[in-house]
Amino acid sequence: MADTLLDNYSDDEIEATFAHELGHVCLHHVCKILAFGAVISLASFYLAYVLFKISLSIFGFNQIYDIAAFCLLALILMLIGLLFIPVQNSFLRYLEKQTDMFALGHIGNNDSFISAITKLGDQNLSDPSPSKVVKILFHTHPTISERVLYASKKNEKDA
């Protein structure tokens, strides 16, 4: 990514991108993501345990350690994973917005942030305004259009 930034982005756009990434460090996002992941994992495994114990007799298995029930356990884990994806993505989008706001608060030129975000979206072939379902299920970052909108609003407030 550094080669691409140096080759295709202005100094102000690189500064905006760096400010965003620095925001992750200053806002302790790594620790927050690890703690959130631990909570989600514990909740997921507990829910899997409960559902597995309940469904064993329904599907004719005698014991929790019956190897034939492994497929049932895998199915339960997959469904729980699908259940928690929107929660995880929502949390990550929240952290990314925090980081964007950090960057916007520390750079002198919000237009460079907008330009960098737009270029990165184009470079990554991102849909700037995906449907709500796509956003909820697949996006760990705010959409490009959302980021441009709140950066523009911040620009208007600062003017």
N, C-alpha and C. Protein backbone atom coordinates (compact mmCIF):
# COMPACT_ATOMS: atom_id res chain seq x y z
N MET A 1 0.82 -1.19 0.00
CA MET A 1 0.00 0.00 0.00
C MET A 1 0.87 1.25 0.00
N ALA A 2 2.01 1.24 0.66
CA ALA A 2 2.85 2.43 0.74
C ALA A 2 3.30 2.85 -0.65
N ASP A 3 3.67 1.90 -1.50
CA ASP A 3 4.09 2.24 -2.87
C ASP A 3 2.96 2.94 -3.60
N THR A 4 1.75 2.42 -3.47
CA THR A 4 0.60 3.01 -4.14
C THR A 4 0.35 4.41 -3.62
N LEU A 5 0.44 4.61 -2.33
CA LEU A 5 0.23 5.94 -1.76
C LEU A 5 1.27 6.92 -2.30
N LEU A 6 2.51 6.53 -2.27
CA LEU A 6 3.57 7.43 -2.71
C LEU A 6 3.46 7.75 -4.20
N ASP A 7 3.03 6.78 -4.98
CA ASP A 7 2.94 6.97 -6.43
C ASP A 7 1.70 7.73 -6.87
N ASN A 8 0.58 7.55 -6.16
CA ASN A 8 -0.70 8.03 -6.68
C ASN A 8 -1.41 9.07 -5.82
N TYR A 9 -0.85 9.41 -4.68
CA TYR A 9 -1.55 10.31 -3.76
C TYR A 9 -0.69 11.52 -3.46
N SER A 10 -1.37 12.66 -3.22
CA SER A 10 -0.65 13.88 -2.86
C SER A 10 -0.16 13.78 -1.42
N ASP A 11 0.72 14.69 -1.05
CA ASP A 11 1.23 14.70 0.33
C ASP A 11 0.09 14.90 1.34
N ASP A 12 -0.86 15.76 1.00
CA ASP A 12 -2.00 16.00 1.90
C ASP A 12 -2.87 14.76 2.05
N GLU A 13 -3.04 14.02 0.96
CA GLU A 13 -3.83 12.78 1.02
C GLU A 13 -3.11 11.71 1.84
N ILE A 14 -1.80 11.65 1.71
CA ILE A 14 -1.01 10.71 2.52
C ILE A 14 -1.09 11.09 3.99
N GLU A 15 -1.03 12.39 4.27
CA GLU A 15 -1.17 12.87 5.65
C GLU A 15 -2.53 12.47 6.23
N ALA A 16 -3.59 12.61 5.45
CA ALA A 16 -4.93 12.24 5.91
C ALA A 16 -5.01 10.75 6.20
N THR A 17 -4.43 9.96 5.31
CA THR A 17 -4.43 8.49 5.50
C THR A 17 -3.62 8.11 6.73
N PHE A 18 -2.46 8.75 6.88
CA PHE A 18 -1.62 8.48 8.05
C PHE A 18 -2.32 8.90 9.35
N ALA A 19 -3.00 10.05 9.31
CA ALA A 19 -3.73 10.52 10.50
C ALA A 19 -4.82 9.52 10.89
N HIS A 20 -5.48 8.96 9.89
CA HIS A 20 -6.50 7.94 10.16
C HIS A 20 -5.87 6.74 10.86
N GLU A 21 -4.78 6.23 10.29
CA GLU A 21 -4.13 5.05 10.88
C GLU A 21 -3.55 5.35 12.26
N LEU A 22 -3.04 6.55 12.44
CA LEU A 22 -2.53 6.96 13.75
C LEU A 22 -3.66 7.01 14.77
N GLY A 23 -4.86 7.37 14.30
CA GLY A 23 -6.03 7.39 15.17
C GLY A 23 -6.30 6.03 15.80
N HIS A 24 -6.08 4.97 15.05
CA HIS A 24 -6.28 3.62 15.60
C HIS A 24 -5.35 3.40 16.81
N VAL A 25 -4.13 3.90 16.70
CA VAL A 25 -3.16 3.74 17.79
C VAL A 25 -3.56 4.60 18.98
N CYS A 26 -3.82 5.88 18.72
CA CYS A 26 -4.13 6.82 19.80
C CYS A 26 -5.44 6.49 20.52
N LEU A 27 -6.38 5.91 19.81
CA LEU A 27 -7.68 5.57 20.40
C LEU A 27 -7.72 4.13 20.95
N HIS A 28 -6.58 3.45 20.94
CA HIS A 28 -6.43 2.11 21.52
C HIS A 28 -7.38 1.09 20.89
N HIS A 29 -7.54 1.16 19.59
CA HIS A 29 -8.48 0.28 18.93
C HIS A 29 -8.06 -1.18 18.93
N VAL A 30 -6.76 -1.45 18.94
CA VAL A 30 -6.32 -2.85 18.97
C VAL A 30 -6.81 -3.52 20.25
N CYS A 31 -6.64 -2.85 21.38
CA CYS A 31 -7.10 -3.41 22.66
C CYS A 31 -8.61 -3.58 22.68
N LYS A 32 -9.32 -2.59 22.15
CA LYS A 32 -10.79 -2.66 22.12
C LYS A 32 -11.27 -3.80 21.23
N ILE A 33 -10.61 -3.99 20.09
CA ILE A 33 -11.00 -5.07 19.19
C ILE A 33 -10.70 -6.43 19.83
N LEU A 34 -9.57 -6.55 20.50
CA LEU A 34 -9.24 -7.81 21.17
C LEU A 34 -10.24 -8.12 22.28
N ALA A 35 -10.58 -7.11 23.08
CA ALA A 35 -11.55 -7.32 24.17
C ALA A 35 -12.92 -7.67 23.61
N PHE A 36 -13.35 -6.95 22.58
CA PHE A 36 -14.64 -7.23 21.95
C PHE A 36 -14.65 -8.64 21.37
N GLY A 37 -13.57 -9.01 20.72
CA GLY A 37 -13.46 -10.36 20.15
C GLY A 37 -13.54 -11.44 21.21
N ALA A 38 -12.92 -11.18 22.35
CA ALA A 38 -12.97 -12.16 23.45
C ALA A 38 -14.39 -12.32 23.97
N VAL A 39 -15.10 -11.21 24.13
CA VAL A 39 -16.49 -11.27 24.61
C VAL A 39 -17.37 -12.00 23.60
N ILE A 40 -17.22 -11.65 22.33
CA ILE A 40 -18.02 -12.31 21.28
C ILE A 40 -17.70 -13.80 21.23
N SER A 41 -16.44 -14.16 21.36
CA SER A 41 -16.04 -15.57 21.33
C SER A 41 -16.65 -16.33 22.50
N LEU A 42 -16.56 -15.75 23.70
CA LEU A 42 -17.13 -16.42 24.87
C LEU A 42 -18.64 -16.59 24.71
N ALA A 43 -19.31 -15.54 24.26
CA ALA A 43 -20.76 -15.62 24.05
C ALA A 43 -21.09 -16.65 22.98
N SER A 44 -20.31 -16.68 21.92
CA SER A 44 -20.55 -17.62 20.83
C SER A 44 -20.38 -19.07 21.30
N PHE A 45 -19.31 -19.33 22.00
CA PHE A 45 -19.07 -20.70 22.45
C PHE A 45 -20.09 -21.14 23.51
N TYR A 46 -20.50 -20.22 24.37
CA TYR A 46 -21.51 -20.58 25.35
C TYR A 46 -22.83 -20.88 24.65
N LEU A 47 -23.23 -20.03 23.72
CA LEU A 47 -24.45 -20.26 22.96
C LEU A 47 -24.37 -21.56 22.17
N ALA A 48 -23.21 -21.84 21.59
CA ALA A 48 -23.02 -23.10 20.85
C ALA A 48 -23.18 -24.30 21.79
N TYR A 49 -22.60 -24.19 22.96
CA TYR A 49 -22.70 -25.27 23.95
C TYR A 49 -24.17 -25.54 24.31
N VAL A 50 -24.90 -24.47 24.60
CA VAL A 50 -26.31 -24.62 24.99
C VAL A 50 -27.12 -25.21 23.84
N LEU A 51 -26.97 -24.67 22.66
CA LEU A 51 -27.72 -25.18 21.51
C LEU A 51 -27.34 -26.61 21.16
N PHE A 52 -26.07 -26.93 21.29
CA PHE A 52 -25.59 -28.28 20.99
C PHE A 52 -26.20 -29.28 21.97
N LYS A 53 -26.18 -28.95 23.25
CA LYS A 53 -26.76 -29.86 24.26
C LYS A 53 -28.25 -30.07 24.01
N ILE A 54 -28.97 -28.98 23.66
CA ILE A 54 -30.41 -29.09 23.41
C ILE A 54 -30.69 -29.93 22.17
N SER A 55 -29.90 -29.71 21.13
CA SER A 55 -30.19 -30.37 19.85
C SER A 55 -29.68 -31.81 19.76
N LEU A 56 -28.83 -32.24 20.68
CA LEU A 56 -28.31 -33.61 20.63
C LEU A 56 -29.44 -34.64 20.61
N SER A 57 -30.35 -34.56 21.58
CA SER A 57 -31.43 -35.56 21.67
C SER A 57 -32.41 -35.40 20.51
N ILE A 58 -32.62 -34.18 20.03
CA ILE A 58 -33.53 -33.95 18.91
C ILE A 58 -33.05 -34.72 17.68
N PHE A 59 -31.73 -34.75 17.48
CA PHE A 59 -31.16 -35.42 16.31
C PHE A 59 -30.71 -36.85 16.60
N GLY A 60 -31.03 -37.36 17.77
CA GLY A 60 -30.78 -38.77 18.09
C GLY A 60 -29.39 -39.12 18.56
N PHE A 61 -28.65 -38.15 19.04
CA PHE A 61 -27.31 -38.42 19.56
C PHE A 61 -27.40 -38.62 21.07
N ASN A 62 -26.53 -39.49 21.61
CA ASN A 62 -26.59 -39.82 23.03
C ASN A 62 -25.73 -38.92 23.91
N GLN A 63 -24.55 -38.59 23.44
CA GLN A 63 -23.59 -37.84 24.26
C GLN A 63 -23.01 -36.66 23.49
N ILE A 64 -22.53 -35.69 24.24
CA ILE A 64 -21.94 -34.50 23.63
C ILE A 64 -20.65 -34.84 22.88
N TYR A 65 -19.98 -35.91 23.28
CA TYR A 65 -18.72 -36.30 22.65
C TYR A 65 -18.90 -37.32 21.53
N ASP A 66 -20.12 -37.57 21.13
CA ASP A 66 -20.40 -38.49 20.01
C ASP A 66 -19.83 -37.89 18.73
N ILE A 67 -18.87 -38.55 18.10
CA ILE A 67 -18.19 -38.01 16.92
C ILE A 67 -19.16 -37.79 15.77
N ALA A 68 -20.22 -38.55 15.72
CA ALA A 68 -21.21 -38.38 14.64
C ALA A 68 -21.94 -37.05 14.76
N ALA A 69 -21.92 -36.45 15.94
CA ALA A 69 -22.60 -35.17 16.15
C ALA A 69 -21.72 -33.98 15.77
N PHE A 70 -20.51 -34.25 15.30
CA PHE A 70 -19.60 -33.16 14.95
C PHE A 70 -20.19 -32.25 13.87
N CYS A 71 -20.85 -32.84 12.88
CA CYS A 71 -21.46 -32.03 11.81
C CYS A 71 -22.52 -31.09 12.38
N LEU A 72 -23.26 -31.55 13.36
CA LEU A 72 -24.26 -30.72 14.02
C LEU A 72 -23.57 -29.55 14.74
N LEU A 73 -22.49 -29.84 15.43
CA LEU A 73 -21.73 -28.79 16.11
C LEU A 73 -21.19 -27.77 15.10
N ALA A 74 -20.66 -28.26 13.99
CA ALA A 74 -20.14 -27.36 12.96
C ALA A 74 -21.25 -26.47 12.40
N LEU A 75 -22.42 -27.03 12.18
CA LEU A 75 -23.55 -26.26 11.68
C LEU A 75 -23.97 -25.17 12.69
N ILE A 76 -24.02 -25.54 13.95
CA ILE A 76 -24.39 -24.59 15.00
C ILE A 76 -23.36 -23.45 15.07
N LEU A 77 -22.08 -23.79 15.02
CA LEU A 77 -21.03 -22.77 15.06
C LEU A 77 -21.11 -21.84 13.85
N MET A 78 -21.41 -22.40 12.68
CA MET A 78 -21.54 -21.59 11.48
C MET A 78 -22.71 -20.61 11.61
N LEU A 79 -23.84 -21.10 12.09
CA LEU A 79 -25.02 -20.25 12.24
C LEU A 79 -24.80 -19.14 13.27
N ILE A 80 -24.12 -19.48 14.34
CA ILE A 80 -23.81 -18.47 15.36
C ILE A 80 -22.85 -17.43 14.79
N GLY A 81 -21.88 -17.88 14.01
CA GLY A 81 -20.97 -16.95 13.34
C GLY A 81 -21.72 -15.98 12.46
N LEU A 82 -22.67 -16.49 11.70
CA LEU A 82 -23.49 -15.63 10.84
C LEU A 82 -24.33 -14.66 11.66
N LEU A 83 -24.79 -15.11 12.81
CA LEU A 83 -25.58 -14.27 13.69
C LEU A 83 -24.78 -13.09 14.23
N PHE A 84 -23.50 -13.32 14.54
CA PHE A 84 -22.68 -12.29 15.16
C PHE A 84 -21.96 -11.39 14.15
N ILE A 85 -21.94 -11.74 12.88
CA ILE A 85 -21.26 -10.90 11.88
C ILE A 85 -21.79 -9.47 11.87
N PRO A 86 -23.11 -9.24 11.84
CA PRO A 86 -23.58 -7.85 11.85
C PRO A 86 -23.15 -7.08 13.10
N VAL A 87 -23.11 -7.76 14.23
CA VAL A 87 -22.70 -7.11 15.48
C VAL A 87 -21.23 -6.70 15.40
N GLN A 88 -20.39 -7.62 14.93
CA GLN A 88 -18.96 -7.33 14.81
C GLN A 88 -18.72 -6.20 13.80
N ASN A 89 -19.37 -6.28 12.65
CA ASN A 89 -19.18 -5.25 11.63
C ASN A 89 -19.65 -3.89 12.12
N SER A 90 -20.74 -3.86 12.85
CA SER A 90 -21.24 -2.60 13.39
C SER A 90 -20.23 -1.98 14.35
N PHE A 91 -19.65 -2.79 15.21
CA PHE A 91 -18.64 -2.30 16.15
C PHE A 91 -17.42 -1.77 15.40
N LEU A 92 -16.97 -2.50 14.39
CA LEU A 92 -15.80 -2.06 13.62
C LEU A 92 -16.09 -0.77 12.85
N ARG A 93 -17.31 -0.64 12.31
CA ARG A 93 -17.67 0.61 11.62
C ARG A 93 -17.66 1.78 12.60
N TYR A 94 -18.12 1.53 13.83
CA TYR A 94 -18.10 2.56 14.86
C TYR A 94 -16.66 3.02 15.14
N LEU A 95 -15.75 2.07 15.29
CA LEU A 95 -14.35 2.41 15.55
C LEU A 95 -13.74 3.15 14.36
N GLU A 96 -14.07 2.72 13.16
CA GLU A 96 -13.54 3.39 11.97
C GLU A 96 -14.04 4.83 11.87
N LYS A 97 -15.29 5.05 12.23
CA LYS A 97 -15.80 6.43 12.21
C LYS A 97 -15.07 7.27 13.25
N GLN A 98 -14.83 6.70 14.43
CA GLN A 98 -14.06 7.41 15.45
C GLN A 98 -12.70 7.81 14.90
N THR A 99 -12.07 6.89 14.19
CA THR A 99 -10.74 7.14 13.65
C THR A 99 -10.80 8.20 12.55
N ASP A 100 -11.84 8.15 11.73
CA ASP A 100 -12.01 9.20 10.71
C ASP A 100 -12.15 10.57 11.37
N MET A 101 -12.95 10.64 12.42
CA MET A 101 -13.15 11.91 13.12
C MET A 101 -11.85 12.38 13.78
N PHE A 102 -11.08 11.45 14.28
CA PHE A 102 -9.75 11.78 14.83
C PHE A 102 -8.90 12.41 13.74
N ALA A 103 -8.85 11.77 12.59
CA ALA A 103 -8.04 12.27 11.48
C ALA A 103 -8.52 13.65 11.04
N LEU A 104 -9.83 13.80 10.90
CA LEU A 104 -10.39 15.09 10.47
C LEU A 104 -10.09 16.20 11.49
N GLY A 105 -10.02 15.83 12.75
CA GLY A 105 -9.70 16.80 13.78
C GLY A 105 -8.23 17.20 13.83
N HIS A 106 -7.37 16.39 13.20
CA HIS A 106 -5.93 16.65 13.29
C HIS A 106 -5.28 17.11 12.00
N ILE A 107 -6.00 17.01 10.89
CA ILE A 107 -5.43 17.52 9.64
C ILE A 107 -6.05 18.88 9.35
N GLY A 108 -5.34 19.69 8.64
CA GLY A 108 -5.83 21.02 8.36
C GLY A 108 -6.74 21.11 7.15
N ASN A 109 -6.86 20.02 6.40
CA ASN A 109 -7.55 20.08 5.12
C ASN A 109 -8.47 18.87 4.98
N ASN A 110 -9.76 19.07 5.28
CA ASN A 110 -10.71 17.96 5.17
C ASN A 110 -10.90 17.51 3.73
N ASP A 111 -10.66 18.41 2.79
CA ASP A 111 -10.79 18.03 1.38
C ASP A 111 -9.77 16.96 0.99
N SER A 112 -8.61 16.99 1.60
CA SER A 112 -7.61 15.95 1.32
C SER A 112 -8.07 14.60 1.85
N PHE A 113 -8.78 14.60 2.98
CA PHE A 113 -9.35 13.36 3.51
C PHE A 113 -10.39 12.82 2.54
N ILE A 114 -11.27 13.69 2.07
CA ILE A 114 -12.31 13.29 1.12
C ILE A 114 -11.69 12.74 -0.15
N SER A 115 -10.68 13.43 -0.63
CA SER A 115 -9.99 12.99 -1.85
C SER A 115 -9.32 11.63 -1.65
N ALA A 116 -8.65 11.46 -0.52
CA ALA A 116 -7.96 10.19 -0.24
C ALA A 116 -8.95 9.04 -0.12
N ILE A 117 -10.05 9.27 0.61
CA ILE A 117 -11.07 8.23 0.78
C ILE A 117 -11.68 7.85 -0.56
N THR A 118 -11.96 8.85 -1.38
CA THR A 118 -12.55 8.61 -2.69
C THR A 118 -11.59 7.82 -3.58
N LYS A 119 -10.31 8.21 -3.58
CA LYS A 119 -9.32 7.50 -4.38
C LYS A 119 -9.15 6.06 -3.90
N LEU A 120 -9.08 5.88 -2.57
CA LEU A 120 -8.93 4.53 -2.03
C LEU A 120 -10.14 3.66 -2.40
N GLY A 121 -11.33 4.25 -2.35
CA GLY A 121 -12.53 3.52 -2.74
C GLY A 121 -12.48 3.11 -4.20
N ASP A 122 -12.05 4.03 -5.07
CA ASP A 122 -11.93 3.71 -6.49
C ASP A 122 -10.86 2.65 -6.72
N GLN A 123 -9.74 2.78 -6.03
CA GLN A 123 -8.63 1.84 -6.18
C GLN A 123 -9.05 0.43 -5.76
N ASN A 124 -9.86 0.34 -4.70
CA ASN A 124 -10.31 -0.96 -4.19
C ASN A 124 -11.61 -1.43 -4.82
N LEU A 125 -12.09 -0.69 -5.81
CA LEU A 125 -13.32 -1.03 -6.53
C LEU A 125 -14.52 -1.13 -5.58
N SER A 126 -14.56 -0.25 -4.59
CA SER A 126 -15.63 -0.25 -3.59
C SER A 126 -16.88 0.41 -4.16
N ASP A 127 -18.02 -0.13 -3.76
CA ASP A 127 -19.29 0.51 -4.08
C ASP A 127 -19.46 1.65 -3.08
N PRO A 128 -19.55 2.90 -3.55
CA PRO A 128 -19.62 4.02 -2.60
C PRO A 128 -20.90 4.06 -1.78
N SER A 129 -21.98 3.46 -2.31
CA SER A 129 -23.27 3.47 -1.60
C SER A 129 -23.95 2.11 -1.72
N PRO A 130 -23.44 1.10 -1.02
CA PRO A 130 -24.06 -0.23 -1.11
C PRO A 130 -25.41 -0.26 -0.40
N SER A 131 -26.18 -1.31 -0.65
CA SER A 131 -27.46 -1.46 0.03
C SER A 131 -27.24 -1.68 1.53
N LYS A 132 -28.28 -1.45 2.31
CA LYS A 132 -28.19 -1.63 3.77
C LYS A 132 -27.77 -3.06 4.13
N VAL A 133 -28.34 -4.04 3.44
CA VAL A 133 -28.03 -5.45 3.74
C VAL A 133 -26.56 -5.73 3.48
N VAL A 134 -26.05 -5.27 2.35
CA VAL A 134 -24.63 -5.48 2.02
C VAL A 134 -23.75 -4.81 3.06
N LYS A 135 -24.11 -3.60 3.42
CA LYS A 135 -23.33 -2.86 4.44
C LYS A 135 -23.31 -3.62 5.76
N ILE A 136 -24.46 -4.06 6.22
CA ILE A 136 -24.57 -4.75 7.51
C ILE A 136 -23.79 -6.06 7.52
N LEU A 137 -23.86 -6.81 6.43
CA LEU A 137 -23.24 -8.12 6.40
C LEU A 137 -21.75 -8.11 6.04
N PHE A 138 -21.32 -7.13 5.23
CA PHE A 138 -19.98 -7.24 4.67
C PHE A 138 -19.04 -6.07 4.97
N HIS A 139 -19.55 -4.95 5.42
CA HIS A 139 -18.69 -3.77 5.56
C HIS A 139 -18.21 -3.56 6.99
N THR A 140 -16.88 -3.50 7.13
CA THR A 140 -16.27 -3.22 8.43
C THR A 140 -15.90 -1.74 8.56
N HIS A 141 -16.08 -1.00 7.46
CA HIS A 141 -15.82 0.44 7.44
C HIS A 141 -17.09 1.16 7.02
N PRO A 142 -17.25 2.41 7.42
CA PRO A 142 -18.37 3.17 6.88
C PRO A 142 -18.23 3.23 5.35
N THR A 143 -19.33 3.40 4.66
CA THR A 143 -19.27 3.46 3.21
C THR A 143 -18.55 4.74 2.78
N ILE A 144 -18.07 4.74 1.56
CA ILE A 144 -17.37 5.91 1.04
C ILE A 144 -18.29 7.14 1.08
N SER A 145 -19.54 6.95 0.69
CA SER A 145 -20.47 8.08 0.68
C SER A 145 -20.71 8.62 2.09
N GLU A 146 -20.79 7.75 3.09
CA GLU A 146 -20.96 8.21 4.48
C GLU A 146 -19.74 9.00 4.94
N ARG A 147 -18.56 8.50 4.60
CA ARG A 147 -17.33 9.16 5.02
C ARG A 147 -17.19 10.53 4.37
N VAL A 148 -17.52 10.59 3.10
CA VAL A 148 -17.46 11.88 2.39
C VAL A 148 -18.48 12.84 3.00
N LEU A 149 -19.67 12.33 3.34
CA LEU A 149 -20.71 13.18 3.90
C LEU A 149 -20.29 13.78 5.24
N TYR A 150 -19.81 12.96 6.17
CA TYR A 150 -19.47 13.55 7.47
C TYR A 150 -18.19 14.37 7.41
N ALA A 151 -17.30 14.09 6.47
CA ALA A 151 -16.13 14.95 6.29
C ALA A 151 -16.55 16.30 5.71
N SER A 152 -17.52 16.27 4.82
CA SER A 152 -18.02 17.53 4.22
C SER A 152 -18.74 18.36 5.28
N LYS A 153 -19.54 17.70 6.11
CA LYS A 153 -20.24 18.42 7.18
C LYS A 153 -19.25 19.03 8.16
N LYS A 154 -18.20 18.28 8.48
CA LYS A 154 -17.16 18.80 9.39
C LYS A 154 -16.48 20.00 8.73
N ASN A 155 -16.30 19.93 7.41
CA ASN A 155 -15.71 21.03 6.64
C ASN A 155 -16.59 22.29 6.77
N GLU A 156 -17.90 22.13 6.67
CA GLU A 156 -18.82 23.25 6.76
C GLU A 156 -18.81 23.87 8.16
N LYS A 157 -18.71 23.02 9.19
CA LYS A 157 -18.69 23.52 10.57
C LYS A 157 -17.41 24.32 10.83
N ASP A 158 -16.29 23.83 10.24
CA ASP A 158 -15.00 24.49 10.46
C ASP A 158 -14.89 25.81 9.69
N ALA A 159 -15.69 25.97 8.65
CA ALA A 159 -15.58 27.18 7.81
C ALA A 159 -16.17 28.40 8.45
